[in-house]
Amino acid sequence: MFKFKPLAADDFPLLLRWLSKEHVKEWWNDGDDTLEKVALHYGEDDDTARFILLETDQEKEKPIGYFQYYFDEIGSIGIDQFIGEEDYLNRGVGERAIKMFVEMITRQYRPARIILDPSPENKRAVRCYEKVGFKHYQTRQNGDGSLAYMMQFEILPTKN
């Protein structure tokens, strides 16, 4: 089982360790390579909700990844995430955790859609998001010249 714990300052060393790993740096590289930079970036009081993904069993909780969401200018919620622990890659963990995250956000906010923007080169992530139900709707160029493969998960209105 998994659960999401709000990110706290005492998680910053763990986050720094994950951000230093090659499998994370390849797709998530904001230059946060010191504890001070991580604290500055992830300790910001902005509109981003940040979480540590925990694997749970009856006896312990193990931190295995990072998740965040934010509100965009058109009423959608954007999400970003990564699995920090290599042992949890290619095991369906990301897919299950993203489904849980989407369900949590949907219950709380009922947005029209949830969006994410992986690199089109990140085939593993794109496949994972497609399995969850995200669909490609546009490819954009970022300010740094890289491409963003825009994907959305549409929330169907509930019937009364």
C-alpha atoms as a PDB file:
ATOM      1  CA  MET A   1       0.000   0.000   0.000  1.00  0.00           C
ATOM      2  CA  PHE A   2       0.983   3.596  -0.457  1.00  0.00           C
ATOM      3  CA  LYS A   3       0.183   6.896   1.180  1.00  0.00           C
ATOM      4  CA  PHE A   4       1.173  10.523   0.696  1.00  0.00           C
ATOM      5  CA  LYS A   5       2.811  12.461   3.513  1.00  0.00           C
ATOM      6  CA  PRO A   6       3.155  16.247   3.170  1.00  0.00           C
ATOM      7  CA  LEU A   7       6.778  17.210   2.500  1.00  0.00           C
ATOM      8  CA  ALA A   8       8.525  18.590   5.593  1.00  0.00           C
ATOM      9  CA  ALA A   9      11.900  20.253   6.091  1.00  0.00           C
ATOM     10  CA  ASP A  10      13.335  17.061   7.585  1.00  0.00           C
ATOM     11  CA  ASP A  11      12.642  15.350   4.210  1.00  0.00           C
ATOM     12  CA  PHE A  12      15.052  17.690   2.380  1.00  0.00           C
ATOM     13  CA  PRO A  13      18.169  15.468   2.809  1.00  0.00           C
ATOM     14  CA  LEU A  14      16.240  12.522   1.340  1.00  0.00           C
ATOM     15  CA  LEU A  15      14.963  14.688  -1.503  1.00  0.00           C
ATOM     16  CA  LEU A  16      18.510  15.873  -2.208  1.00  0.00           C
ATOM     17  CA  ARG A  17      19.688  12.246  -2.338  1.00  0.00           C
ATOM     18  CA  TRP A  18      16.951  11.369  -4.840  1.00  0.00           C
ATOM     19  CA  LEU A  19      17.582  14.482  -6.946  1.00  0.00           C
ATOM     20  CA  SER A  20      21.236  13.399  -7.203  1.00  0.00           C
ATOM     21  CA  LYS A  21      20.384   9.988  -8.680  1.00  0.00           C
ATOM     22  CA  GLU A  22      20.912   9.557 -12.423  1.00  0.00           C
ATOM     23  CA  HIS A  23      17.468   8.101 -13.112  1.00  0.00           C
ATOM     24  CA  VAL A  24      15.907  11.238 -11.554  1.00  0.00           C
ATOM     25  CA  LYS A  25      18.390  13.841 -12.867  1.00  0.00           C
ATOM     26  CA  GLU A  26      17.834  12.655 -16.430  1.00  0.00           C
ATOM     27  CA  TRP A  27      14.265  14.044 -16.389  1.00  0.00           C
ATOM     28  CA  TRP A  28      14.074  16.262 -13.289  1.00  0.00           C
ATOM     29  CA  ASN A  29      17.005  18.631 -13.140  1.00  0.00           C
ATOM     30  CA  ASP A  30      16.256  22.004 -11.569  1.00  0.00           C
ATOM     31  CA  GLY A  31      19.821  22.511 -10.364  1.00  0.00           C
ATOM     32  CA  ASP A  32      18.927  21.573  -6.793  1.00  0.00           C
ATOM     33  CA  ASP A  33      22.297  20.035  -5.951  1.00  0.00           C
ATOM     34  CA  THR A  34      22.791  21.268  -2.384  1.00  0.00           C
ATOM     35  CA  LEU A  35      20.673  21.073   0.739  1.00  0.00           C
ATOM     36  CA  GLU A  36      20.388  24.863   0.737  1.00  0.00           C
ATOM     37  CA  LYS A  37      19.004  24.897  -2.836  1.00  0.00           C
ATOM     38  CA  VAL A  38      16.556  22.090  -2.042  1.00  0.00           C
ATOM     39  CA  ALA A  39      15.349  23.955   1.058  1.00  0.00           C
ATOM     40  CA  LEU A  40      14.965  27.165  -0.938  1.00  0.00           C
ATOM     41  CA  HIS A  41      13.104  25.514  -3.831  1.00  0.00           C
ATOM     42  CA  TYR A  42      10.966  22.941  -1.997  1.00  0.00           C
ATOM     43  CA  GLY A  43      10.428  24.990   1.145  1.00  0.00           C
ATOM     44  CA  GLU A  44       8.841  27.813  -0.829  1.00  0.00           C
ATOM     45  CA  ASP A  45       5.473  28.959   0.379  1.00  0.00           C
ATOM     46  CA  ASP A  46       3.803  28.923  -3.024  1.00  0.00           C
ATOM     47  CA  ASP A  47       0.762  27.271  -4.534  1.00  0.00           C
ATOM     48  CA  THR A  48       2.433  23.880  -4.897  1.00  0.00           C
ATOM     49  CA  ALA A  49       1.416  21.042  -2.586  1.00  0.00           C
ATOM     50  CA  ARG A  50       4.358  18.680  -2.064  1.00  0.00           C
ATOM     51  CA  PHE A  51       4.372  15.105  -0.772  1.00  0.00           C
ATOM     52  CA  ILE A  52       6.603  12.137  -0.061  1.00  0.00           C
ATOM     53  CA  LEU A  53       5.226   8.848  -1.375  1.00  0.00           C
ATOM     54  CA  LEU A  54       5.438   6.183   1.320  1.00  0.00           C
ATOM     55  CA  GLU A  55       5.180   2.448   0.879  1.00  0.00           C
ATOM     56  CA  THR A  56       3.353   1.187   3.949  1.00  0.00           C
ATOM     57  CA  ASP A  57       2.807  -2.111   5.683  1.00  0.00           C
ATOM     58  CA  GLN A  58       1.657  -2.921   9.210  1.00  0.00           C
ATOM     59  CA  GLU A  59       5.072  -2.320  10.740  1.00  0.00           C
ATOM     60  CA  LYS A  60       6.772   0.476   8.807  1.00  0.00           C
ATOM     61  CA  GLU A  61       6.637   3.224   6.221  1.00  0.00           C
ATOM     62  CA  LYS A  62       9.355   3.581   3.618  1.00  0.00           C
ATOM     63  CA  PRO A  63       9.769   6.797   1.574  1.00  0.00           C
ATOM     64  CA  ILE A  64      10.101   5.908  -2.105  1.00  0.00           C
ATOM     65  CA  GLY A  65       9.146   8.966  -4.172  1.00  0.00           C
ATOM     66  CA  TYR A  66       8.133  12.586  -4.534  1.00  0.00           C
ATOM     67  CA  PHE A  67       4.785  13.980  -5.772  1.00  0.00           C
ATOM     68  CA  GLN A  68       3.444  17.503  -6.175  1.00  0.00           C
ATOM     69  CA  TYR A  69       0.431  19.311  -7.563  1.00  0.00           C
ATOM     70  CA  TYR A  70      -0.331  22.912  -8.419  1.00  0.00           C
ATOM     71  CA  PHE A  71      -3.157  24.934  -9.935  1.00  0.00           C
ATOM     72  CA  ASP A  72      -2.647  26.393 -13.409  1.00  0.00           C
ATOM     73  CA  GLU A  73      -4.149  29.542 -14.875  1.00  0.00           C
ATOM     74  CA  ILE A  74      -7.039  27.779 -16.648  1.00  0.00           C
ATOM     75  CA  GLY A  75      -8.484  25.806 -13.750  1.00  0.00           C
ATOM     76  CA  SER A  76      -6.571  22.582 -14.301  1.00  0.00           C
ATOM     77  CA  ILE A  77      -4.315  20.930 -11.769  1.00  0.00           C
ATOM     78  CA  GLY A  78      -0.804  20.041 -12.862  1.00  0.00           C
ATOM     79  CA  ILE A  79       1.120  17.175 -11.317  1.00  0.00           C
ATOM     80  CA  ASP A  80       4.759  16.138 -11.260  1.00  0.00           C
ATOM     81  CA  GLN A  81       6.336  13.135  -9.632  1.00  0.00           C
ATOM     82  CA  PHE A  82       9.224  10.733  -9.574  1.00  0.00           C
ATOM     83  CA  ILE A  83      10.151   7.474  -7.911  1.00  0.00           C
ATOM     84  CA  GLY A  84      13.387   8.092  -6.025  1.00  0.00           C
ATOM     85  CA  GLU A  85      14.279   4.534  -5.062  1.00  0.00           C
ATOM     86  CA  GLU A  86      15.641   2.460  -7.967  1.00  0.00           C
ATOM     87  CA  ASP A  87      14.285  -0.800  -6.508  1.00  0.00           C
ATOM     88  CA  TYR A  88      10.773   0.488  -7.199  1.00  0.00           C
ATOM     89  CA  LEU A  89      11.257   1.257 -10.904  1.00  0.00           C
ATOM     90  CA  ASN A  90       9.619  -0.930 -13.562  1.00  0.00           C
ATOM     91  CA  ARG A  91       7.336  -2.598 -11.031  1.00  0.00           C
ATOM     92  CA  GLY A  92       4.076  -0.710 -11.650  1.00  0.00           C
ATOM     93  CA  VAL A  93       4.595   1.419  -8.537  1.00  0.00           C
ATOM     94  CA  GLY A  94       4.415   4.695 -10.445  1.00  0.00           C
ATOM     95  CA  GLU A  95       1.189   3.684 -12.163  1.00  0.00           C
ATOM     96  CA  ARG A  96      -0.515   2.663  -8.899  1.00  0.00           C
ATOM     97  CA  ALA A  97       0.734   5.729  -7.017  1.00  0.00           C
ATOM     98  CA  ILE A  98      -0.313   8.159  -9.775  1.00  0.00           C
ATOM     99  CA  LYS A  99      -3.807   6.599  -9.834  1.00  0.00           C
ATOM    100  CA  MET A 100      -4.036   7.169  -6.069  1.00  0.00           C
ATOM    101  CA  PHE A 101      -2.739  10.736  -6.418  1.00  0.00           C
ATOM    102  CA  VAL A 102      -5.247  11.533  -9.182  1.00  0.00           C
ATOM    103  CA  GLU A 103      -8.066  10.057  -7.063  1.00  0.00           C
ATOM    104  CA  MET A 104      -6.984  12.117  -4.042  1.00  0.00           C
ATOM    105  CA  ILE A 105      -6.885  15.348  -6.066  1.00  0.00           C
ATOM    106  CA  THR A 106     -10.189  14.558  -7.789  1.00  0.00           C
ATOM    107  CA  ARG A 107     -11.974  13.904  -4.485  1.00  0.00           C
ATOM    108  CA  GLN A 108     -10.631  17.096  -2.970  1.00  0.00           C
ATOM    109  CA  TYR A 109     -10.976  19.558  -5.876  1.00  0.00           C
ATOM    110  CA  ARG A 110     -13.020  18.023  -8.746  1.00  0.00           C
ATOM    111  CA  PRO A 111     -10.925  19.817 -11.411  1.00  0.00           C
ATOM    112  CA  ALA A 112     -12.022  19.592 -15.040  1.00  0.00           C
ATOM    113  CA  ARG A 113      -8.708  17.947 -15.828  1.00  0.00           C
ATOM    114  CA  ILE A 114      -5.317  17.041 -14.439  1.00  0.00           C
ATOM    115  CA  ILE A 115      -2.311  17.705 -16.642  1.00  0.00           C
ATOM    116  CA  LEU A 116       1.333  16.736 -16.805  1.00  0.00           C
ATOM    117  CA  ASP A 117       4.166  17.537 -19.175  1.00  0.00           C
ATOM    118  CA  PRO A 118       6.824  14.835 -19.549  1.00  0.00           C
ATOM    119  CA  SER A 119       9.568  15.030 -22.119  1.00  0.00           C
ATOM    120  CA  PRO A 120       8.485  13.128 -25.240  1.00  0.00           C
ATOM    121  CA  GLU A 121      11.827  11.318 -24.889  1.00  0.00           C
ATOM    122  CA  ASN A 122      10.796   9.907 -21.510  1.00  0.00           C
ATOM    123  CA  LYS A 123       9.064   6.863 -22.989  1.00  0.00           C
ATOM    124  CA  ARG A 124       8.775   5.011 -19.656  1.00  0.00           C
ATOM    125  CA  ALA A 125       6.886   7.914 -18.074  1.00  0.00           C
ATOM    126  CA  VAL A 126       4.648   8.466 -21.114  1.00  0.00           C
ATOM    127  CA  ARG A 127       3.671   4.757 -21.127  1.00  0.00           C
ATOM    128  CA  CYS A 128       2.958   4.900 -17.400  1.00  0.00           C
ATOM    129  CA  TYR A 129       0.744   7.978 -17.770  1.00  0.00           C
ATOM    130  CA  GLU A 130      -1.142   6.393 -20.676  1.00  0.00           C
ATOM    131  CA  LYS A 131      -1.856   3.319 -18.513  1.00  0.00           C
ATOM    132  CA  VAL A 132      -3.331   5.620 -15.857  1.00  0.00           C
ATOM    133  CA  GLY A 133      -5.606   7.242 -18.473  1.00  0.00           C
ATOM    134  CA  PHE A 134      -3.720  10.380 -19.501  1.00  0.00           C
ATOM    135  CA  LYS A 135      -3.975  11.307 -23.182  1.00  0.00           C
ATOM    136  CA  HIS A 136      -1.625  13.437 -25.274  1.00  0.00           C
ATOM    137  CA  TYR A 137      -3.180  16.682 -26.500  1.00  0.00           C
ATOM    138  CA  GLN A 138      -0.267  18.908 -27.514  1.00  0.00           C
ATOM    139  CA  THR A 139       3.517  19.097 -27.765  1.00  0.00           C
ATOM    140  CA  ARG A 140       4.932  22.448 -26.640  1.00  0.00           C
ATOM    141  CA  GLN A 141       8.348  24.005 -26.632  1.00  0.00           C
ATOM    142  CA  ASN A 142       9.558  25.099 -23.209  1.00  0.00           C
ATOM    143  CA  GLY A 143      11.468  28.329 -22.635  1.00  0.00           C
ATOM    144  CA  ASP A 144      14.755  26.389 -22.622  1.00  0.00           C
ATOM    145  CA  GLY A 145      14.037  24.876 -26.051  1.00  0.00           C
ATOM    146  CA  SER A 146      13.119  21.417 -24.750  1.00  0.00           C
ATOM    147  CA  LEU A 147       9.801  19.816 -25.630  1.00  0.00           C
ATOM    148  CA  ALA A 148       6.895  19.071 -23.306  1.00  0.00           C
ATOM    149  CA  TYR A 149       4.538  16.243 -24.237  1.00  0.00           C
ATOM    150  CA  MET A 150       1.351  17.684 -22.755  1.00  0.00           C
ATOM    151  CA  MET A 151      -1.017  15.033 -21.402  1.00  0.00           C
ATOM    152  CA  GLN A 152      -4.359  15.335 -19.654  1.00  0.00           C
ATOM    153  CA  PHE A 153      -6.661  13.228 -17.529  1.00  0.00           C
ATOM    154  CA  GLU A 154     -10.192  14.481 -17.976  1.00  0.00           C
ATOM    155  CA  ILE A 155     -12.521  14.299 -14.996  1.00  0.00           C
ATOM    156  CA  LEU A 156     -16.027  13.336 -15.944  1.00  0.00           C
ATOM    157  CA  PRO A 157     -18.782  15.339 -14.278  1.00  0.00           C
ATOM    158  CA  THR A 158     -20.752  13.405 -11.688  1.00  0.00           C
ATOM    159  CA  LYS A 159     -24.432  12.732 -12.295  1.00  0.00           C
ATOM    160  CA  ASN A 160     -26.866  13.606  -9.547  1.00  0.00           C
END
